[in-house]
Amino acid sequence: RLLGADPDLVLHGGGNTSVKTTVTDLTGEPVRVLHVKGSGSDLAT
């Protein structure tokens, strides 16, 4: 949101961000995961 709030950085849906984590799936196994901005999202909101 900080990036998206500054039009000198991104405009109208531009840019993207991500974080890597580890989660536990339904079987109890650890899974390395990338959480990345989805298509159609706007960083400002």
PDB file of all heavy atoms in Angstrom:
ATOM      1  N   ARG A   1       0.821  -1.213   0.000  1.00  0.00           N
ATOM      2  CA  ARG A   1       0.000   0.000   0.000  1.00  0.00           C
ATOM      3  C   ARG A   1       0.855   1.263   0.000  1.00  0.00           C
ATOM      4  O   ARG A   1       0.480   2.269  -0.613  1.00  0.00           O
ATOM      5  CB  ARG A   1      -0.939  -0.008   1.203  1.00  0.00           C
ATOM      6  CG  ARG A   1      -2.084  -1.000   1.059  1.00  0.00           C
ATOM      7  CD  ARG A   1      -3.069  -0.898   2.210  1.00  0.00           C
ATOM      8  NE  ARG A   1      -4.285  -1.644   1.917  1.00  0.00           N
ATOM      9  CZ  ARG A   1      -5.513  -1.156   2.040  1.00  0.00           C
ATOM     10  NH1 ARG A   1      -5.694   0.078   2.454  1.00  0.00           N
ATOM     11  NH2 ARG A   1      -6.560  -1.903   1.767  1.00  0.00           N
ATOM     12  N   LEU A   2       1.984   1.224   0.687  1.00  0.00           N
ATOM     13  CA  LEU A   2       2.878   2.380   0.659  1.00  0.00           C
ATOM     14  C   LEU A   2       3.393   2.628  -0.761  1.00  0.00           C
ATOM     15  O   LEU A   2       3.444   3.775  -1.228  1.00  0.00           O
ATOM     16  CB  LEU A   2       4.047   2.169   1.619  1.00  0.00           C
ATOM     17  CG  LEU A   2       3.722   2.162   3.120  1.00  0.00           C
ATOM     18  CD1 LEU A   2       4.990   1.924   3.926  1.00  0.00           C
ATOM     19  CD2 LEU A   2       3.053   3.456   3.556  1.00  0.00           C
ATOM     20  N   LEU A   3       3.785   1.560  -1.448  1.00  0.00           N
ATOM     21  CA  LEU A   3       4.224   1.720  -2.837  1.00  0.00           C
ATOM     22  C   LEU A   3       3.083   2.229  -3.703  1.00  0.00           C
ATOM     23  O   LEU A   3       3.250   3.158  -4.507  1.00  0.00           O
ATOM     24  CB  LEU A   3       4.743   0.394  -3.395  1.00  0.00           C
ATOM     25  CG  LEU A   3       6.033  -0.194  -2.818  1.00  0.00           C
ATOM     26  CD1 LEU A   3       6.380  -1.480  -3.558  1.00  0.00           C
ATOM     27  CD2 LEU A   3       7.187   0.791  -2.898  1.00  0.00           C
ATOM     28  N   GLY A   4       1.930   1.614  -3.569  1.00  0.00           N
ATOM     29  CA  GLY A   4       0.793   1.956  -4.417  1.00  0.00           C
ATOM     30  C   GLY A   4       0.263   3.350  -4.191  1.00  0.00           C
ATOM     31  O   GLY A   4      -0.373   3.931  -5.085  1.00  0.00           O
ATOM     32  N   ALA A   5       0.504   3.914  -3.005  1.00  0.00           N
ATOM     33  CA  ALA A   5       0.003   5.260  -2.700  1.00  0.00           C
ATOM     34  C   ALA A   5       0.845   6.347  -3.358  1.00  0.00           C
ATOM     35  O   ALA A   5       0.434   7.513  -3.360  1.00  0.00           O
ATOM     36  CB  ALA A   5      -0.020   5.474  -1.184  1.00  0.00           C
ATOM     37  N   ASP A   6       1.991   6.006  -3.908  1.00  0.00           N
ATOM     38  CA  ASP A   6       2.889   7.000  -4.501  1.00  0.00           C
ATOM     39  C   ASP A   6       2.885   6.851  -6.018  1.00  0.00           C
ATOM     40  O   ASP A   6       3.476   5.915  -6.560  1.00  0.00           O
ATOM     41  CB  ASP A   6       4.310   6.818  -3.960  1.00  0.00           C
ATOM     42  CG  ASP A   6       5.212   7.993  -4.316  1.00  0.00           C
ATOM     43  OD1 ASP A   6       4.910   8.690  -5.299  1.00  0.00           O
ATOM     44  OD2 ASP A   6       6.213   8.203  -3.601  1.00  0.00           O
ATOM     45  N   PRO A   7       2.246   7.773  -6.742  1.00  0.00           N
ATOM     46  CA  PRO A   7       2.185   7.640  -8.207  1.00  0.00           C
ATOM     47  C   PRO A   7       3.537   7.786  -8.892  1.00  0.00           C
ATOM     48  O   PRO A   7       3.666   7.457 -10.066  1.00  0.00           O
ATOM     49  CB  PRO A   7       1.221   8.762  -8.620  1.00  0.00           C
ATOM     50  CG  PRO A   7       1.274   9.745  -7.498  1.00  0.00           C
ATOM     51  CD  PRO A   7       1.504   8.938  -6.265  1.00  0.00           C
ATOM     52  N   ASP A   8       4.550   8.283  -8.165  1.00  0.00           N
ATOM     53  CA  ASP A   8       5.893   8.317  -8.754  1.00  0.00           C
ATOM     54  C   ASP A   8       6.545   6.942  -8.765  1.00  0.00           C
ATOM     55  O   ASP A   8       7.618   6.763  -9.355  1.00  0.00           O
ATOM     56  CB  ASP A   8       6.784   9.291  -7.983  1.00  0.00           C
ATOM     57  CG  ASP A   8       6.336  10.739  -8.153  1.00  0.00           C
ATOM     58  OD1 ASP A   8       5.852  11.075  -9.248  1.00  0.00           O
ATOM     59  OD2 ASP A   8       6.465  11.518  -7.197  1.00  0.00           O
ATOM     60  N   LEU A   9       5.889   5.961  -8.111  1.00  0.00           N
ATOM     61  CA  LEU A   9       6.401   4.586  -8.087  1.00  0.00           C
ATOM     62  C   LEU A   9       5.584   3.651  -8.960  1.00  0.00           C
ATOM     63  O   LEU A   9       6.137   2.866  -9.732  1.00  0.00           O
ATOM     64  CB  LEU A   9       6.422   4.068  -6.645  1.00  0.00           C
ATOM     65  CG  LEU A   9       7.376   4.767  -5.680  1.00  0.00           C
ATOM     66  CD1 LEU A   9       7.191   4.216  -4.266  1.00  0.00           C
ATOM     67  CD2 LEU A   9       8.814   4.588  -6.129  1.00  0.00           C
ATOM     68  N   VAL A  10       4.276   3.692  -8.808  1.00  0.00           N
ATOM     69  CA  VAL A  10       3.406   2.827  -9.611  1.00  0.00           C
ATOM     70  C   VAL A  10       2.129   3.579  -9.950  1.00  0.00           C
ATOM     71  O   VAL A  10       1.697   4.468  -9.215  1.00  0.00           O
ATOM     72  CB  VAL A  10       3.047   1.503  -8.895  1.00  0.00           C
ATOM     73  CG1 VAL A  10       4.268   0.651  -8.675  1.00  0.00           C
ATOM     74  CG2 VAL A  10       2.335   1.768  -7.580  1.00  0.00           C
ATOM     75  N   LEU A  11       1.516   3.197 -11.053  1.00  0.00           N
ATOM     76  CA  LEU A  11       0.266   3.802 -11.500  1.00  0.00           C
ATOM     77  C   LEU A  11      -0.716   2.717 -11.913  1.00  0.00           C
ATOM     78  O   LEU A  11      -0.362   1.790 -12.651  1.00  0.00           O
ATOM     79  CB  LEU A  11       0.512   4.724 -12.696  1.00  0.00           C
ATOM     80  CG  LEU A  11       1.189   6.068 -12.443  1.00  0.00           C
ATOM     81  CD1 LEU A  11       1.606   6.694 -13.766  1.00  0.00           C
ATOM     82  CD2 LEU A  11       0.260   7.010 -11.686  1.00  0.00           C
ATOM     83  N   HIS A  12      -1.940   2.819 -11.411  1.00  0.00           N
ATOM     84  CA  HIS A  12      -3.073   2.055 -11.930  1.00  0.00           C
ATOM     85  C   HIS A  12      -2.782   0.568 -12.150  1.00  0.00           C
ATOM     86  O   HIS A  12      -2.783   0.065 -13.272  1.00  0.00           O
ATOM     87  CB  HIS A  12      -3.568   2.678 -13.227  1.00  0.00           C
ATOM     88  CG  HIS A  12      -3.979   4.107 -13.067  1.00  0.00           C
ATOM     89  ND1 HIS A  12      -5.020   4.486 -12.259  1.00  0.00           N
ATOM     90  CD2 HIS A  12      -3.461   5.254 -13.570  1.00  0.00           C
ATOM     91  CE1 HIS A  12      -5.151   5.799 -12.292  1.00  0.00           C
ATOM     92  NE2 HIS A  12      -4.210   6.290 -13.072  1.00  0.00           N
ATOM     93  N   GLY A  13      -2.513  -0.122 -11.058  1.00  0.00           N
ATOM     94  CA  GLY A  13      -2.336  -1.562 -11.133  1.00  0.00           C
ATOM     95  C   GLY A  13      -0.923  -2.014 -11.415  1.00  0.00           C
ATOM     96  O   GLY A  13      -0.653  -3.217 -11.442  1.00  0.00           O
ATOM     97  N   GLY A  14      -0.003  -1.082 -11.613  1.00  0.00           N
ATOM     98  CA  GLY A  14       1.376  -1.455 -11.901  1.00  0.00           C
ATOM     99  C   GLY A  14       2.110  -1.966 -10.669  1.00  0.00           C
ATOM    100  O   GLY A  14       1.676  -1.786  -9.538  1.00  0.00           O
ATOM    101  N   GLY A  15       3.268  -2.595 -10.924  1.00  0.00           N
ATOM    102  CA  GLY A  15       4.087  -3.115  -9.843  1.00  0.00           C
ATOM    103  C   GLY A  15       3.543  -4.398  -9.253  1.00  0.00           C
ATOM    104  O   GLY A  15       2.395  -4.774  -9.483  1.00  0.00           O
ATOM    105  N   ASN A  16       4.382  -5.082  -8.501  1.00  0.00           N
ATOM    106  CA  ASN A  16       3.930  -6.283  -7.805  1.00  0.00           C
ATOM    107  C   ASN A  16       4.866  -6.566  -6.635  1.00  0.00           C
ATOM    108  O   ASN A  16       5.989  -6.054  -6.574  1.00  0.00           O
ATOM    109  CB  ASN A  16       3.810  -7.496  -8.745  1.00  0.00           C
ATOM    110  CG  ASN A  16       4.957  -7.597  -9.713  1.00  0.00           C
ATOM    111  OD1 ASN A  16       6.109  -7.761  -9.313  1.00  0.00           O
ATOM    112  ND2 ASN A  16       4.660  -7.486 -11.003  1.00  0.00           N
ATOM    113  N   THR A  17       4.407  -7.385  -5.705  1.00  0.00           N
ATOM    114  CA  THR A  17       5.138  -7.675  -4.472  1.00  0.00           C
ATOM    115  C   THR A  17       4.921  -9.133  -4.096  1.00  0.00           C
ATOM    116  O   THR A  17       3.953  -9.766  -4.549  1.00  0.00           O
ATOM    117  CB  THR A  17       4.648  -6.774  -3.323  1.00  0.00           C
ATOM    118  OG1 THR A  17       3.246  -6.993  -3.122  1.00  0.00           O
ATOM    119  CG2 THR A  17       4.870  -5.303  -3.628  1.00  0.00           C
ATOM    120  N   SER A  18       5.820  -9.657  -3.239  1.00  0.00           N
ATOM    121  CA  SER A  18       5.673 -11.057  -2.832  1.00  0.00           C
ATOM    122  C   SER A  18       6.380 -11.308  -1.515  1.00  0.00           C
ATOM    123  O   SER A  18       7.257 -10.540  -1.099  1.00  0.00           O
ATOM    124  CB  SER A  18       6.232 -11.996  -3.902  1.00  0.00           C
ATOM    125  OG  SER A  18       7.652 -11.891  -3.966  1.00  0.00           O
ATOM    126  N   VAL A  19       6.007 -12.415  -0.876  1.00  0.00           N
ATOM    127  CA  VAL A  19       6.695 -12.891   0.323  1.00  0.00           C
ATOM    128  C   VAL A  19       6.695 -14.414   0.288  1.00  0.00           C
ATOM    129  O   VAL A  19       5.728 -15.042  -0.153  1.00  0.00           O
ATOM    130  CB  VAL A  19       6.024 -12.376   1.614  1.00  0.00           C
ATOM    131  CG1 VAL A  19       4.594 -12.881   1.757  1.00  0.00           C
ATOM    132  CG2 VAL A  19       6.845 -12.766   2.847  1.00  0.00           C
ATOM    133  N   LYS A  20       7.801 -15.002   0.747  1.00  0.00           N
ATOM    134  CA  LYS A  20       7.929 -16.460   0.788  1.00  0.00           C
ATOM    135  C   LYS A  20       7.742 -16.930   2.228  1.00  0.00           C
ATOM    136  O   LYS A  20       8.333 -16.373   3.162  1.00  0.00           O
ATOM    137  CB  LYS A  20       9.289 -16.886   0.251  1.00  0.00           C
ATOM    138  CG  LYS A  20       9.548 -16.448  -1.187  1.00  0.00           C
ATOM    139  CD  LYS A  20      10.955 -16.786  -1.633  1.00  0.00           C
ATOM    140  CE  LYS A  20      11.222 -16.288  -3.042  1.00  0.00           C
ATOM    141  NZ  LYS A  20      11.391 -14.821  -3.094  1.00  0.00           N
ATOM    142  N   THR A  21       6.912 -17.944   2.392  1.00  0.00           N
ATOM    143  CA  THR A  21       6.635 -18.492   3.721  1.00  0.00           C
ATOM    144  C   THR A  21       6.594 -20.013   3.636  1.00  0.00           C
ATOM    145  O   THR A  21       6.688 -20.593   2.552  1.00  0.00           O
ATOM    146  CB  THR A  21       5.291 -17.983   4.272  1.00  0.00           C
ATOM    147  OG1 THR A  21       4.226 -18.542   3.484  1.00  0.00           O
ATOM    148  CG2 THR A  21       5.193 -16.474   4.241  1.00  0.00           C
ATOM    149  N   THR A  22       6.412 -20.630   4.782  1.00  0.00           N
ATOM    150  CA  THR A  22       6.159 -22.066   4.850  1.00  0.00           C
ATOM    151  C   THR A  22       4.847 -22.272   5.593  1.00  0.00           C
ATOM    152  O   THR A  22       4.640 -21.704   6.669  1.00  0.00           O
ATOM    153  CB  THR A  22       7.286 -22.806   5.581  1.00  0.00           C
ATOM    154  OG1 THR A  22       8.516 -22.601   4.865  1.00  0.00           O
ATOM    155  CG2 THR A  22       6.999 -24.296   5.661  1.00  0.00           C
ATOM    156  N   VAL A  23       3.953 -23.058   4.986  1.00  0.00           N
ATOM    157  CA  VAL A  23       2.668 -23.344   5.614  1.00  0.00           C
ATOM    158  C   VAL A  23       2.510 -24.855   5.745  1.00  0.00           C
ATOM    159  O   VAL A  23       3.246 -25.626   5.122  1.00  0.00           O
ATOM    160  CB  VAL A  23       1.497 -22.759   4.791  1.00  0.00           C
ATOM    161  CG1 VAL A  23       1.652 -21.256   4.613  1.00  0.00           C
ATOM    162  CG2 VAL A  23       1.383 -23.455   3.429  1.00  0.00           C
ATOM    163  N   THR A  24       1.551 -25.246   6.540  1.00  0.00           N
ATOM    164  CA  THR A  24       1.240 -26.668   6.702  1.00  0.00           C
ATOM    165  C   THR A  24      -0.031 -26.971   5.921  1.00  0.00           C
ATOM    166  O   THR A  24      -1.061 -26.320   6.120  1.00  0.00           O
ATOM    167  CB  THR A  24       1.028 -27.015   8.185  1.00  0.00           C
ATOM    168  OG1 THR A  24       2.216 -26.663   8.907  1.00  0.00           O
ATOM    169  CG2 THR A  24       0.743 -28.487   8.351  1.00  0.00           C
ATOM    170  N   ASP A  25       0.054 -27.961   5.007  1.00  0.00           N
ATOM    171  CA  ASP A  25      -1.127 -28.253   4.193  1.00  0.00           C
ATOM    172  C   ASP A  25      -2.075 -29.190   4.937  1.00  0.00           C
ATOM    173  O   ASP A  25      -1.865 -29.538   6.113  1.00  0.00           O
ATOM    174  CB  ASP A  25      -0.723 -28.821   2.833  1.00  0.00           C
ATOM    175  CG  ASP A  25      -0.090 -30.207   2.919  1.00  0.00           C
ATOM    176  OD1 ASP A  25      -0.146 -30.828   4.001  1.00  0.00           O
ATOM    177  OD2 ASP A  25       0.448 -30.673   1.894  1.00  0.00           O
ATOM    178  N   LEU A  26      -3.136 -29.639   4.269  1.00  0.00           N
ATOM    179  CA  LEU A  26      -4.173 -30.449   4.909  1.00  0.00           C
ATOM    180  C   LEU A  26      -3.648 -31.794   5.400  1.00  0.00           C
ATOM    181  O   LEU A  26      -4.217 -32.394   6.320  1.00  0.00           O
ATOM    182  CB  LEU A  26      -5.337 -30.674   3.928  1.00  0.00           C
ATOM    183  CG  LEU A  26      -6.176 -29.432   3.604  1.00  0.00           C
ATOM    184  CD1 LEU A  26      -7.217 -29.770   2.546  1.00  0.00           C
ATOM    185  CD2 LEU A  26      -6.857 -28.921   4.864  1.00  0.00           C
ATOM    186  N   THR A  27      -2.552 -32.261   4.791  1.00  0.00           N
ATOM    187  CA  THR A  27      -1.994 -33.553   5.211  1.00  0.00           C
ATOM    188  C   THR A  27      -1.009 -33.409   6.368  1.00  0.00           C
ATOM    189  O   THR A  27      -0.462 -34.405   6.838  1.00  0.00           O
ATOM    190  CB  THR A  27      -1.269 -34.225   4.028  1.00  0.00           C
ATOM    191  OG1 THR A  27      -0.107 -33.458   3.697  1.00  0.00           O
ATOM    192  CG2 THR A  27      -2.191 -34.331   2.820  1.00  0.00           C
ATOM    193  N   GLY A  28      -0.786 -32.166   6.790  1.00  0.00           N
ATOM    194  CA  GLY A  28       0.164 -31.923   7.869  1.00  0.00           C
ATOM    195  C   GLY A  28       1.590 -31.741   7.406  1.00  0.00           C
ATOM    196  O   GLY A  28       2.503 -31.617   8.226  1.00  0.00           O
ATOM    197  N   GLU A  29       1.806 -31.724   6.082  1.00  0.00           N
ATOM    198  CA  GLU A  29       3.145 -31.578   5.536  1.00  0.00           C
ATOM    199  C   GLU A  29       3.497 -30.094   5.363  1.00  0.00           C
ATOM    200  O   GLU A  29       2.645 -29.293   4.961  1.00  0.00           O
ATOM    201  CB  GLU A  29       3.245 -32.276   4.175  1.00  0.00           C
ATOM    202  CG  GLU A  29       3.106 -33.784   4.246  1.00  0.00           C
ATOM    203  CD  GLU A  29       4.248 -34.421   5.020  1.00  0.00           C
ATOM    204  OE1 GLU A  29       5.406 -33.963   4.863  1.00  0.00           O
ATOM    205  OE2 GLU A  29       3.978 -35.352   5.800  1.00  0.00           O
ATOM    206  N   PRO A  30       4.737 -29.697   5.650  1.00  0.00           N
ATOM    207  CA  PRO A  30       5.146 -28.306   5.401  1.00  0.00           C
ATOM    208  C   PRO A  30       5.297 -28.059   3.901  1.00  0.00           C
ATOM    209  O   PRO A  30       5.814 -28.909   3.165  1.00  0.00           O
ATOM    210  CB  PRO A  30       6.488 -28.206   6.118  1.00  0.00           C
ATOM    211  CG  PRO A  30       7.013 -29.598   6.138  1.00  0.00           C
ATOM    212  CD  PRO A  30       5.816 -30.502   6.246  1.00  0.00           C
ATOM    213  N   VAL A  31       4.843 -26.902   3.464  1.00  0.00           N
ATOM    214  CA  VAL A  31       4.900 -26.537   2.046  1.00  0.00           C
ATOM    215  C   VAL A  31       5.493 -25.137   1.931  1.00  0.00           C
ATOM    216  O   VAL A  31       5.006 -24.195   2.567  1.00  0.00           O
ATOM    217  CB  VAL A  31       3.503 -26.560   1.398  1.00  0.00           C
ATOM    218  CG1 VAL A  31       3.589 -26.147  -0.068  1.00  0.00           C
ATOM    219  CG2 VAL A  31       2.870 -27.934   1.527  1.00  0.00           C
ATOM    220  N   ARG A  32       6.546 -25.011   1.139  1.00  0.00           N
ATOM    221  CA  ARG A  32       7.100 -23.684   0.881  1.00  0.00           C
ATOM    222  C   ARG A  32       6.192 -22.958  -0.113  1.00  0.00           C
ATOM    223  O   ARG A  32       5.819 -23.522  -1.156  1.00  0.00           O
ATOM    224  CB  ARG A  32       8.520 -23.788   0.335  1.00  0.00           C
ATOM    225  CG  ARG A  32       9.516 -24.357   1.339  1.00  0.00           C
ATOM    226  CD  ARG A  32      10.937 -24.058   0.896  1.00  0.00           C
ATOM    227  NE  ARG A  32      11.208 -24.599  -0.438  1.00  0.00           N
ATOM    228  CZ  ARG A  32      12.170 -24.139  -1.240  1.00  0.00           C
ATOM    229  NH1 ARG A  32      12.931 -23.124  -0.843  1.00  0.00           N
ATOM    230  NH2 ARG A  32      12.370 -24.698  -2.413  1.00  0.00           N
ATOM    231  N   VAL A  33       5.877 -21.726   0.236  1.00  0.00           N
ATOM    232  CA  VAL A  33       4.852 -21.005  -0.521  1.00  0.00           C
ATOM    233  C   VAL A  33       5.360 -19.623  -0.915  1.00  0.00           C
ATOM    234  O   VAL A  33       6.059 -18.958  -0.145  1.00  0.00           O
ATOM    235  CB  VAL A  33       3.558 -20.863   0.323  1.00  0.00           C
ATOM    236  CG1 VAL A  33       2.558 -19.930  -0.352  1.00  0.00           C
ATOM    237  CG2 VAL A  33       2.929 -22.231   0.547  1.00  0.00           C
ATOM    238  N   LEU A  34       4.999 -19.195  -2.136  1.00  0.00           N
ATOM    239  CA  LEU A  34       5.194 -17.818  -2.573  1.00  0.00           C
ATOM    240  C   LEU A  34       3.834 -17.138  -2.608  1.00  0.00           C
ATOM    241  O   LEU A  34       2.935 -17.588  -3.329  1.00  0.00           O
ATOM    242  CB  LEU A  34       5.830 -17.774  -3.972  1.00  0.00           C
ATOM    243  CG  LEU A  34       5.952 -16.369  -4.578  1.00  0.00           C
ATOM    244  CD1 LEU A  34       7.078 -15.595  -3.901  1.00  0.00           C
ATOM    245  CD2 LEU A  34       6.188 -16.439  -6.094  1.00  0.00           C
ATOM    246  N   HIS A  35       3.679 -16.072  -1.837  1.00  0.00           N
ATOM    247  CA  HIS A  35       2.468 -15.246  -1.895  1.00  0.00           C
ATOM    248  C   HIS A  35       2.788 -14.063  -2.804  1.00  0.00           C
ATOM    249  O   HIS A  35       3.605 -13.208  -2.461  1.00  0.00           O
ATOM    250  CB  HIS A  35       2.087 -14.732  -0.502  1.00  0.00           C
ATOM    251  CG  HIS A  35       1.885 -15.807   0.510  1.00  0.00           C
ATOM    252  ND1 HIS A  35       0.649 -16.348   0.798  1.00  0.00           N
ATOM    253  CD2 HIS A  35       2.765 -16.455   1.318  1.00  0.00           C
ATOM    254  CE1 HIS A  35       0.772 -17.260   1.732  1.00  0.00           C
ATOM    255  NE2 HIS A  35       2.043 -17.353   2.062  1.00  0.00           N
ATOM    256  N   VAL A  36       2.149 -13.996  -3.965  1.00  0.00           N
ATOM    257  CA  VAL A  36       2.462 -12.952  -4.938  1.00  0.00           C
ATOM    258  C   VAL A  36       1.181 -12.213  -5.319  1.00  0.00           C
ATOM    259  O   VAL A  36       0.085 -12.777  -5.291  1.00  0.00           O
ATOM    260  CB  VAL A  36       3.141 -13.563  -6.187  1.00  0.00           C
ATOM    261  CG1 VAL A  36       2.157 -14.414  -6.984  1.00  0.00           C
ATOM    262  CG2 VAL A  36       3.771 -12.481  -7.064  1.00  0.00           C
ATOM    263  N   LYS A  37       1.357 -10.968  -5.655  1.00  0.00           N
ATOM    264  CA  LYS A  37       0.208 -10.153  -6.054  1.00  0.00           C
ATOM    265  C   LYS A  37      -0.565 -10.833  -7.182  1.00  0.00           C
ATOM    266  O   LYS A  37       0.013 -11.299  -8.159  1.00  0.00           O
ATOM    267  CB  LYS A  37       0.690  -8.775  -6.524  1.00  0.00           C
ATOM    268  CG  LYS A  37      -0.419  -7.880  -7.083  1.00  0.00           C
ATOM    269  CD  LYS A  37       0.166  -6.694  -7.830  1.00  0.00           C
ATOM    270  CE  LYS A  37      -0.917  -5.945  -8.593  1.00  0.00           C
ATOM    271  NZ  LYS A  37      -0.360  -4.942  -9.515  1.00  0.00           N
ATOM    272  N   GLY A  38      -1.882 -10.872  -7.021  1.00  0.00           N
ATOM    273  CA  GLY A  38      -2.734 -11.476  -8.031  1.00  0.00           C
ATOM    274  C   GLY A  38      -3.059 -10.509  -9.151  1.00  0.00           C
ATOM    275  O   GLY A  38      -3.073  -9.286  -8.963  1.00  0.00           O
ATOM    276  N   SER A  39      -3.319 -11.047 -10.306  1.00  0.00           N
ATOM    277  CA  SER A  39      -3.687 -10.234 -11.467  1.00  0.00           C
ATOM    278  C   SER A  39      -4.972  -9.469 -11.168  1.00  0.00           C
ATOM    279  O   SER A  39      -5.919 -10.012 -10.611  1.00  0.00           O
ATOM    280  CB  SER A  39      -3.880 -11.132 -12.684  1.00  0.00           C
ATOM    281  OG  SER A  39      -4.277 -10.381 -13.800  1.00  0.00           O
ATOM    282  N   GLY A  40      -4.984  -8.205 -11.564  1.00  0.00           N
ATOM    283  CA  GLY A  40      -6.170  -7.384 -11.343  1.00  0.00           C
ATOM    284  C   GLY A  40      -6.161  -6.610 -10.045  1.00  0.00           C
ATOM    285  O   GLY A  40      -7.016  -5.754  -9.828  1.00  0.00           O
ATOM    286  N   SER A  41      -5.203  -6.899  -9.156  1.00  0.00           N
ATOM    287  CA  SER A  41      -5.118  -6.175  -7.894  1.00  0.00           C
ATOM    288  C   SER A  41      -4.380  -4.859  -8.096  1.00  0.00           C
ATOM    289  O   SER A  41      -3.599  -4.698  -9.032  1.00  0.00           O
ATOM    290  CB  SER A  41      -4.383  -7.004  -6.843  1.00  0.00           C
ATOM    291  OG  SER A  41      -5.075  -8.204  -6.579  1.00  0.00           O
ATOM    292  N   ASP A  42      -4.628  -3.925  -7.192  1.00  0.00           N
ATOM    293  CA  ASP A  42      -3.965  -2.628  -7.217  1.00  0.00           C
ATOM    294  C   ASP A  42      -3.217  -2.464  -5.905  1.00  0.00           C
ATOM    295  O   ASP A  42      -3.811  -2.612  -4.828  1.00  0.00           O
ATOM    296  CB  ASP A  42      -4.994  -1.511  -7.394  1.00  0.00           C
ATOM    297  CG  ASP A  42      -4.354  -0.171  -7.715  1.00  0.00           C
ATOM    298  OD1 ASP A  42      -3.427   0.225  -6.995  1.00  0.00           O
ATOM    299  OD2 ASP A  42      -4.794   0.481  -8.682  1.00  0.00           O
ATOM    300  N   LEU A  43      -1.925  -2.165  -5.978  1.00  0.00           N
ATOM    301  CA  LEU A  43      -1.132  -2.049  -4.754  1.00  0.00           C
ATOM    302  C   LEU A  43      -1.699  -1.002  -3.803  1.00  0.00           C
ATOM    303  O   LEU A  43      -1.592  -1.142  -2.581  1.00  0.00           O
ATOM    304  CB  LEU A  43       0.320  -1.710  -5.094  1.00  0.00           C
ATOM    305  CG  LEU A  43       1.140  -2.806  -5.789  1.00  0.00           C
ATOM    306  CD1 LEU A  43       2.565  -2.313  -6.029  1.00  0.00           C
ATOM    307  CD2 LEU A  43       1.155  -4.092  -4.979  1.00  0.00           C
ATOM    308  N   ALA A  44      -2.305   0.046  -4.335  1.00  0.00           N
ATOM    309  CA  ALA A  44      -2.802   1.123  -3.485  1.00  0.00           C
ATOM    310  C   ALA A  44      -3.919   0.661  -2.564  1.00  0.00           C
ATOM    311  O   ALA A  44      -4.118   1.229  -1.489  1.00  0.00           O
ATOM    312  CB  ALA A  44      -3.289   2.288  -4.349  1.00  0.00           C
ATOM    313  N   THR A  45      -4.653  -0.364  -2.970  1.00  0.00           N
ATOM    314  CA  THR A  45      -5.795  -0.845  -2.176  1.00  0.00           C
ATOM    315  C   THR A  45      -5.615  -2.311  -1.804  1.00  0.00           C
ATOM    316  O   THR A  45      -6.601  -3.011  -1.540  1.00  0.00           O
ATOM    317  CB  THR A  45      -7.103  -0.663  -2.961  1.00  0.00           C
ATOM    318  OG1 THR A  45      -7.004  -1.334  -4.227  1.00  0.00           O
ATOM    319  CG2 THR A  45      -7.389   0.815  -3.200  1.00  0.00           C
TER     320      THR A  45
END
